[in-house]
Amino acid sequence: MIDTYVQIAIAVPAVAGLIAMTQNRIFIGCLLAFMSLPLWVASAVTAEQWGVVIVLVIKGSIYFLGVVTRWPRKPPPKDEHETNLGV
């Protein structure tokens, strides 16, 4: 029974991340997919599926890179002259 809950906990953020990525929300998609990886890795290790573990490490690296490169940044400060227009 616990396996069912683990599989649901793996599937929900992974599918939500894929849906977000298809809607050009790359940061949210990578973050959600990255969140599902620890349970997925734990499940693969307990089942001794080492090929899956290798694929998950590569996949996790790609999701991590997506999160880091798409991390929201503060916009650069506006120049006083642009907003004031000299008035």
C-alpha atoms as a PDB file:
ATOM      1  CA  MET A   1       0.000   0.000   0.000  1.00  0.00           C
ATOM      2  CA  ILE A   2       2.843   2.398   0.796  1.00  0.00           C
ATOM      3  CA  ASP A   3       4.262   1.764  -2.672  1.00  0.00           C
ATOM      4  CA  THR A   4       1.089   3.182  -4.174  1.00  0.00           C
ATOM      5  CA  TYR A   5       1.505   6.408  -2.198  1.00  0.00           C
ATOM      6  CA  VAL A   6       5.151   6.668  -3.193  1.00  0.00           C
ATOM      7  CA  GLN A   7       4.277   6.189  -6.852  1.00  0.00           C
ATOM      8  CA  ILE A   8       1.597   8.890  -6.599  1.00  0.00           C
ATOM      9  CA  ALA A   9       4.085  11.207  -4.863  1.00  0.00           C
ATOM     10  CA  ILE A  10       6.510  10.591  -7.727  1.00  0.00           C
ATOM     11  CA  ALA A  11       3.960  11.009 -10.500  1.00  0.00           C
ATOM     12  CA  VAL A  12       2.076  14.135  -9.423  1.00  0.00           C
ATOM     13  CA  PRO A  13       4.978  16.641  -9.349  1.00  0.00           C
ATOM     14  CA  ALA A  14       6.634  15.015 -12.374  1.00  0.00           C
ATOM     15  CA  VAL A  15       3.503  15.281 -14.521  1.00  0.00           C
ATOM     16  CA  ALA A  16       2.747  18.782 -13.219  1.00  0.00           C
ATOM     17  CA  GLY A  17       6.305  19.790 -14.138  1.00  0.00           C
ATOM     18  CA  LEU A  18       5.932  18.421 -17.649  1.00  0.00           C
ATOM     19  CA  ILE A  19       2.642  20.254 -18.104  1.00  0.00           C
ATOM     20  CA  ALA A  20       4.232  23.488 -16.866  1.00  0.00           C
ATOM     21  CA  MET A  21       7.141  23.070 -19.287  1.00  0.00           C
ATOM     22  CA  THR A  22       4.765  22.631 -22.233  1.00  0.00           C
ATOM     23  CA  GLN A  23       3.192  25.965 -21.305  1.00  0.00           C
ATOM     24  CA  ASN A  24       6.580  27.763 -21.382  1.00  0.00           C
ATOM     25  CA  ARG A  25       6.881  27.871 -17.585  1.00  0.00           C
ATOM     26  CA  ILE A  26      10.323  26.319 -17.671  1.00  0.00           C
ATOM     27  CA  PHE A  27      11.393  27.381 -14.165  1.00  0.00           C
ATOM     28  CA  ILE A  28       8.268  25.989 -12.471  1.00  0.00           C
ATOM     29  CA  GLY A  29       8.392  22.847 -14.608  1.00  0.00           C
ATOM     30  CA  CYS A  30      12.021  22.096 -13.790  1.00  0.00           C
ATOM     31  CA  LEU A  31      11.448  22.827 -10.111  1.00  0.00           C
ATOM     32  CA  LEU A  32       8.447  20.481  -9.879  1.00  0.00           C
ATOM     33  CA  ALA A  33      10.170  17.714 -11.822  1.00  0.00           C
ATOM     34  CA  PHE A  34      13.302  18.147  -9.685  1.00  0.00           C
ATOM     35  CA  MET A  35      11.184  17.779  -6.528  1.00  0.00           C
ATOM     36  CA  SER A  36       9.968  14.338  -7.605  1.00  0.00           C
ATOM     37  CA  LEU A  37      13.467  12.949  -8.162  1.00  0.00           C
ATOM     38  CA  PRO A  38      14.456  12.030  -4.557  1.00  0.00           C
ATOM     39  CA  LEU A  39      11.538   9.612  -4.206  1.00  0.00           C
ATOM     40  CA  TRP A  40      12.169   8.269  -7.678  1.00  0.00           C
ATOM     41  CA  VAL A  41      15.834   7.629  -6.891  1.00  0.00           C
ATOM     42  CA  ALA A  42      14.968   6.011  -3.561  1.00  0.00           C
ATOM     43  CA  SER A  43      12.463   3.736  -5.284  1.00  0.00           C
ATOM     44  CA  ALA A  44      14.970   2.777  -7.984  1.00  0.00           C
ATOM     45  CA  VAL A  45      17.730   2.076  -5.436  1.00  0.00           C
ATOM     46  CA  THR A  46      15.509  -0.150  -3.290  1.00  0.00           C
ATOM     47  CA  ALA A  47      14.531  -2.080  -6.435  1.00  0.00           C
ATOM     48  CA  GLU A  48      18.229  -2.222  -7.433  1.00  0.00           C
ATOM     49  CA  GLN A  49      17.550  -0.683 -10.838  1.00  0.00           C
ATOM     50  CA  TRP A  50      20.978   0.870 -11.330  1.00  0.00           C
ATOM     51  CA  GLY A  51      20.420   1.878 -14.939  1.00  0.00           C
ATOM     52  CA  VAL A  52      17.398   3.903 -13.857  1.00  0.00           C
ATOM     53  CA  VAL A  53      19.470   5.528 -11.106  1.00  0.00           C
ATOM     54  CA  ILE A  54      22.059   6.638 -13.677  1.00  0.00           C
ATOM     55  CA  VAL A  55      19.339   8.066 -15.923  1.00  0.00           C
ATOM     56  CA  LEU A  56      17.794   9.871 -12.943  1.00  0.00           C
ATOM     57  CA  VAL A  57      21.122  11.442 -11.981  1.00  0.00           C
ATOM     58  CA  ILE A  58      21.489  12.771 -15.528  1.00  0.00           C
ATOM     59  CA  LYS A  59      17.865  13.898 -15.587  1.00  0.00           C
ATOM     60  CA  GLY A  60      18.263  15.565 -12.186  1.00  0.00           C
ATOM     61  CA  SER A  61      21.334  17.428 -13.418  1.00  0.00           C
ATOM     62  CA  ILE A  62      19.362  18.762 -16.374  1.00  0.00           C
ATOM     63  CA  TYR A  63      16.440  19.839 -14.171  1.00  0.00           C
ATOM     64  CA  PHE A  64      18.853  21.466 -11.711  1.00  0.00           C
ATOM     65  CA  LEU A  65      20.480  23.363 -14.569  1.00  0.00           C
ATOM     66  CA  GLY A  66      17.024  24.484 -15.707  1.00  0.00           C
ATOM     67  CA  VAL A  67      16.196  25.747 -12.223  1.00  0.00           C
ATOM     68  CA  VAL A  68      19.504  27.594 -11.854  1.00  0.00           C
ATOM     69  CA  THR A  69      19.456  29.229 -15.284  1.00  0.00           C
ATOM     70  CA  ARG A  70      15.775  30.211 -15.070  1.00  0.00           C
ATOM     71  CA  TRP A  71      15.887  31.445 -11.456  1.00  0.00           C
ATOM     72  CA  PRO A  72      13.860  34.687 -11.248  1.00  0.00           C
ATOM     73  CA  ARG A  73      16.105  37.711 -11.026  1.00  0.00           C
ATOM     74  CA  LYS A  74      15.343  41.240  -9.955  1.00  0.00           C
ATOM     75  CA  PRO A  75      15.050  43.577 -12.922  1.00  0.00           C
ATOM     76  CA  PRO A  76      17.900  46.058 -13.257  1.00  0.00           C
ATOM     77  CA  PRO A  77      17.237  49.414 -11.612  1.00  0.00           C
ATOM     78  CA  LYS A  78      15.752  51.983 -13.942  1.00  0.00           C
ATOM     79  CA  ASP A  79      17.730  55.060 -14.726  1.00  0.00           C
ATOM     80  CA  GLU A  80      16.357  58.227 -13.090  1.00  0.00           C
ATOM     81  CA  HIS A  81      16.414  60.064 -16.388  1.00  0.00           C
ATOM     82  CA  GLU A  82      14.217  57.493 -18.101  1.00  0.00           C
ATOM     83  CA  THR A  83      11.432  57.644 -15.505  1.00  0.00           C
ATOM     84  CA  ASN A  84      11.583  61.349 -14.695  1.00  0.00           C
ATOM     85  CA  LEU A  85      11.797  62.611 -18.292  1.00  0.00           C
ATOM     86  CA  GLY A  86      13.441  65.779 -17.032  1.00  0.00           C
ATOM     87  CA  VAL A  87      10.229  67.261 -15.610  1.00  0.00           C
END
